[in-house]
Amino acid sequence: MKLAQRRKLADWLVKEKQMSQRKAARLAGISRRMLVYQSKKDPQQELQSQILTIVERHPYWGFWKVYHCLRNKQK
């Protein structure tokens, strides 16, 4: 059983069967920390993709041109 499936099983046990997180995690074979873990999306990821898109279209633009282009889009 994959980790994602184990996490879903533990969540189901907690929500539907009113089992404690500790017992649900133990039955699913995962740690309690993994049960409550939520990954954090990189906040710079979207900005980086926007910069790369602009640079692909306009390879000779410098930093300031790209900066002002992004800044004007956000207004």
N, C-alpha and C. Protein backbone atom coordinates (compact mmCIF):
# COMPACT_ATOMS: atom_id res chain seq x y z
N MET A 1 0.85 -1.18 0.00
CA MET A 1 0.00 0.00 0.00
C MET A 1 0.90 1.24 0.00
N LYS A 2 0.58 2.19 -0.86
CA LYS A 2 1.37 3.41 -0.97
C LYS A 2 1.07 4.36 0.19
N LEU A 3 1.99 5.30 0.39
CA LEU A 3 1.85 6.25 1.49
C LEU A 3 0.56 7.07 1.38
N ALA A 4 0.24 7.50 0.16
CA ALA A 4 -0.98 8.30 -0.02
C ALA A 4 -2.21 7.50 0.36
N GLN A 5 -2.22 6.22 0.03
CA GLN A 5 -3.35 5.36 0.38
C GLN A 5 -3.44 5.17 1.89
N ARG A 6 -2.28 5.03 2.53
CA ARG A 6 -2.26 4.87 3.99
C ARG A 6 -2.76 6.13 4.67
N ARG A 7 -2.37 7.28 4.13
CA ARG A 7 -2.82 8.55 4.70
C ARG A 7 -4.33 8.69 4.55
N LYS A 8 -4.87 8.32 3.38
CA LYS A 8 -6.32 8.38 3.18
C LYS A 8 -7.05 7.44 4.14
N LEU A 9 -6.48 6.25 4.34
CA LEU A 9 -7.08 5.30 5.26
C LEU A 9 -7.11 5.87 6.68
N ALA A 10 -6.01 6.45 7.11
CA ALA A 10 -5.95 7.03 8.45
C ALA A 10 -6.93 8.19 8.58
N ASP A 11 -7.02 9.05 7.55
CA ASP A 11 -7.99 10.15 7.58
C ASP A 11 -9.42 9.62 7.69
N TRP A 12 -9.70 8.57 6.94
CA TRP A 12 -11.03 7.97 6.96
C TRP A 12 -11.34 7.41 8.35
N LEU A 13 -10.36 6.74 8.96
CA LEU A 13 -10.57 6.19 10.30
C LEU A 13 -10.86 7.29 11.32
N VAL A 14 -10.17 8.41 11.19
CA VAL A 14 -10.37 9.52 12.13
C VAL A 14 -11.73 10.16 11.91
N LYS A 15 -12.09 10.42 10.66
CA LYS A 15 -13.33 11.15 10.37
C LYS A 15 -14.58 10.28 10.50
N GLU A 16 -14.54 9.11 9.89
CA GLU A 16 -15.74 8.27 9.82
C GLU A 16 -15.92 7.38 11.06
N LYS A 17 -14.86 6.87 11.59
CA LYS A 17 -14.95 5.94 12.71
C LYS A 17 -14.64 6.59 14.05
N GLN A 18 -14.43 7.91 14.05
CA GLN A 18 -14.13 8.67 15.26
C GLN A 18 -12.99 8.03 16.07
N MET A 19 -11.98 7.58 15.36
CA MET A 19 -10.81 6.99 16.00
C MET A 19 -9.79 8.09 16.25
N SER A 20 -8.99 7.95 17.28
CA SER A 20 -7.97 8.96 17.55
C SER A 20 -6.91 8.91 16.45
N GLN A 21 -6.24 10.04 16.28
CA GLN A 21 -5.18 10.10 15.26
C GLN A 21 -4.08 9.11 15.57
N ARG A 22 -3.80 8.95 16.82
CA ARG A 22 -2.74 8.03 17.23
C ARG A 22 -3.04 6.59 16.81
N LYS A 23 -4.26 6.14 17.10
CA LYS A 23 -4.65 4.78 16.73
C LYS A 23 -4.76 4.61 15.23
N ALA A 24 -5.32 5.62 14.56
CA ALA A 24 -5.48 5.54 13.12
C ALA A 24 -4.14 5.47 12.41
N ALA A 25 -3.20 6.27 12.87
CA ALA A 25 -1.86 6.25 12.28
C ALA A 25 -1.18 4.91 12.51
N ARG A 26 -1.34 4.38 13.69
CA ARG A 26 -0.74 3.09 14.00
C ARG A 26 -1.33 1.98 13.12
N LEU A 27 -2.66 1.97 12.96
CA LEU A 27 -3.30 0.96 12.12
C LEU A 27 -2.92 1.10 10.65
N ALA A 28 -2.76 2.33 10.20
CA ALA A 28 -2.41 2.57 8.80
C ALA A 28 -0.92 2.33 8.54
N GLY A 29 -0.13 2.28 9.59
CA GLY A 29 1.30 2.02 9.44
C GLY A 29 2.11 3.26 9.09
N ILE A 30 1.63 4.41 9.54
CA ILE A 30 2.37 5.67 9.30
C ILE A 30 2.55 6.38 10.64
N SER A 31 3.47 7.32 10.67
CA SER A 31 3.67 8.09 11.89
C SER A 31 2.58 9.16 12.00
N ARG A 32 2.35 9.62 13.21
CA ARG A 32 1.34 10.68 13.40
C ARG A 32 1.76 11.95 12.68
N ARG A 33 3.04 12.19 12.63
CA ARG A 33 3.55 13.38 11.95
C ARG A 33 3.19 13.35 10.47
N MET A 34 3.28 12.18 9.86
CA MET A 34 2.92 12.06 8.44
C MET A 34 1.42 12.26 8.23
N LEU A 35 0.65 11.95 9.24
CA LEU A 35 -0.80 12.10 9.13
C LEU A 35 -1.20 13.57 9.03
N VAL A 36 -0.50 14.44 9.74
CA VAL A 36 -0.87 15.85 9.75
C VAL A 36 0.00 16.71 8.83
N TYR A 37 0.99 16.09 8.18
CA TYR A 37 1.91 16.83 7.32
C TYR A 37 1.19 17.41 6.11
N GLN A 38 1.49 18.67 5.81
CA GLN A 38 0.98 19.31 4.59
C GLN A 38 2.16 19.97 3.90
N SER A 39 2.38 19.62 2.66
CA SER A 39 3.52 20.19 1.95
C SER A 39 3.28 21.68 1.71
N LYS A 40 4.37 22.41 1.64
CA LYS A 40 4.29 23.85 1.41
C LYS A 40 4.73 24.13 -0.01
N LYS A 41 3.87 24.77 -0.76
CA LYS A 41 4.20 25.13 -2.13
C LYS A 41 5.20 26.29 -2.11
N ASP A 42 6.16 26.19 -2.97
CA ASP A 42 7.18 27.24 -3.06
C ASP A 42 6.53 28.52 -3.58
N PRO A 43 6.54 29.61 -2.79
CA PRO A 43 5.88 30.85 -3.24
C PRO A 43 6.56 31.49 -4.44
N GLN A 44 7.83 31.18 -4.67
CA GLN A 44 8.57 31.75 -5.78
C GLN A 44 8.32 31.01 -7.10
N GLN A 45 7.70 29.83 -7.04
CA GLN A 45 7.51 29.00 -8.22
C GLN A 45 6.74 29.74 -9.32
N GLU A 46 5.65 30.38 -8.98
CA GLU A 46 4.83 31.08 -9.97
C GLU A 46 5.60 32.24 -10.60
N LEU A 47 6.31 32.99 -9.77
CA LEU A 47 7.10 34.11 -10.27
C LEU A 47 8.19 33.62 -11.22
N GLN A 48 8.86 32.54 -10.86
CA GLN A 48 9.91 31.98 -11.72
C GLN A 48 9.35 31.56 -13.06
N SER A 49 8.19 30.93 -13.06
CA SER A 49 7.60 30.49 -14.33
C SER A 49 7.21 31.69 -15.20
N GLN A 50 6.73 32.77 -14.58
CA GLN A 50 6.40 33.98 -15.34
C GLN A 50 7.65 34.61 -15.93
N ILE A 51 8.72 34.65 -15.16
CA ILE A 51 9.99 35.21 -15.66
C ILE A 51 10.49 34.39 -16.84
N LEU A 52 10.46 33.06 -16.71
CA LEU A 52 10.94 32.20 -17.79
C LEU A 52 10.11 32.36 -19.06
N THR A 53 8.80 32.53 -18.90
CA THR A 53 7.93 32.74 -20.07
C THR A 53 8.30 34.02 -20.80
N ILE A 54 8.52 35.09 -20.05
CA ILE A 54 8.89 36.37 -20.66
C ILE A 54 10.25 36.27 -21.33
N VAL A 55 11.20 35.63 -20.67
CA VAL A 55 12.56 35.53 -21.21
C VAL A 55 12.59 34.68 -22.47
N GLU A 56 11.73 33.64 -22.54
CA GLU A 56 11.66 32.83 -23.75
C GLU A 56 11.13 33.65 -24.93
N ARG A 57 10.16 34.51 -24.66
CA ARG A 57 9.60 35.35 -25.73
C ARG A 57 10.53 36.48 -26.12
N HIS A 58 11.24 37.02 -25.14
CA HIS A 58 12.10 38.19 -25.36
C HIS A 58 13.49 37.92 -24.78
N PRO A 59 14.32 37.13 -25.46
CA PRO A 59 15.60 36.73 -24.88
C PRO A 59 16.59 37.88 -24.68
N TYR A 60 16.43 38.99 -25.35
CA TYR A 60 17.39 40.08 -25.24
C TYR A 60 16.98 41.15 -24.24
N TRP A 61 15.86 40.95 -23.58
CA TRP A 61 15.46 41.90 -22.55
C TRP A 61 16.34 41.70 -21.33
N GLY A 62 16.66 42.78 -20.68
CA GLY A 62 17.45 42.71 -19.47
C GLY A 62 16.57 42.59 -18.23
N PHE A 63 17.22 42.61 -17.09
CA PHE A 63 16.51 42.45 -15.82
C PHE A 63 15.43 43.50 -15.63
N TRP A 64 15.79 44.77 -15.83
CA TRP A 64 14.84 45.85 -15.53
C TRP A 64 13.63 45.81 -16.46
N LYS A 65 13.84 45.44 -17.69
CA LYS A 65 12.71 45.36 -18.64
C LYS A 65 11.74 44.26 -18.19
N VAL A 66 12.28 43.10 -17.80
CA VAL A 66 11.44 42.00 -17.32
C VAL A 66 10.74 42.39 -16.02
N TYR A 67 11.48 43.06 -15.14
CA TYR A 67 10.93 43.50 -13.86
C TYR A 67 9.73 44.42 -14.07
N HIS A 68 9.89 45.42 -14.94
CA HIS A 68 8.80 46.37 -15.18
C HIS A 68 7.63 45.71 -15.91
N CYS A 69 7.93 44.78 -16.78
CA CYS A 69 6.85 44.04 -17.46
C CYS A 69 6.00 43.27 -16.45
N LEU A 70 6.65 42.56 -15.54
CA LEU A 70 5.91 41.81 -14.50
C LEU A 70 5.15 42.77 -13.57
N ARG A 71 5.78 43.85 -13.24
CA ARG A 71 5.16 44.81 -12.33
C ARG A 71 3.92 45.43 -12.96
N ASN A 72 3.98 45.73 -14.23
CA ASN A 72 2.82 46.32 -14.94
C ASN A 72 1.69 45.31 -15.09
N LYS A 73 2.03 44.03 -15.20
CA LYS A 73 0.98 43.00 -15.31
C LYS A 73 0.20 42.85 -14.03
N GLN A 74 0.85 43.08 -12.89
CA GLN A 74 0.20 42.87 -11.60
C GLN A 74 -0.68 44.03 -11.18
N LYS A 75 -0.57 45.14 -11.85
CA LYS A 75 -1.40 46.30 -11.49
C LYS A 75 -2.80 46.18 -12.00
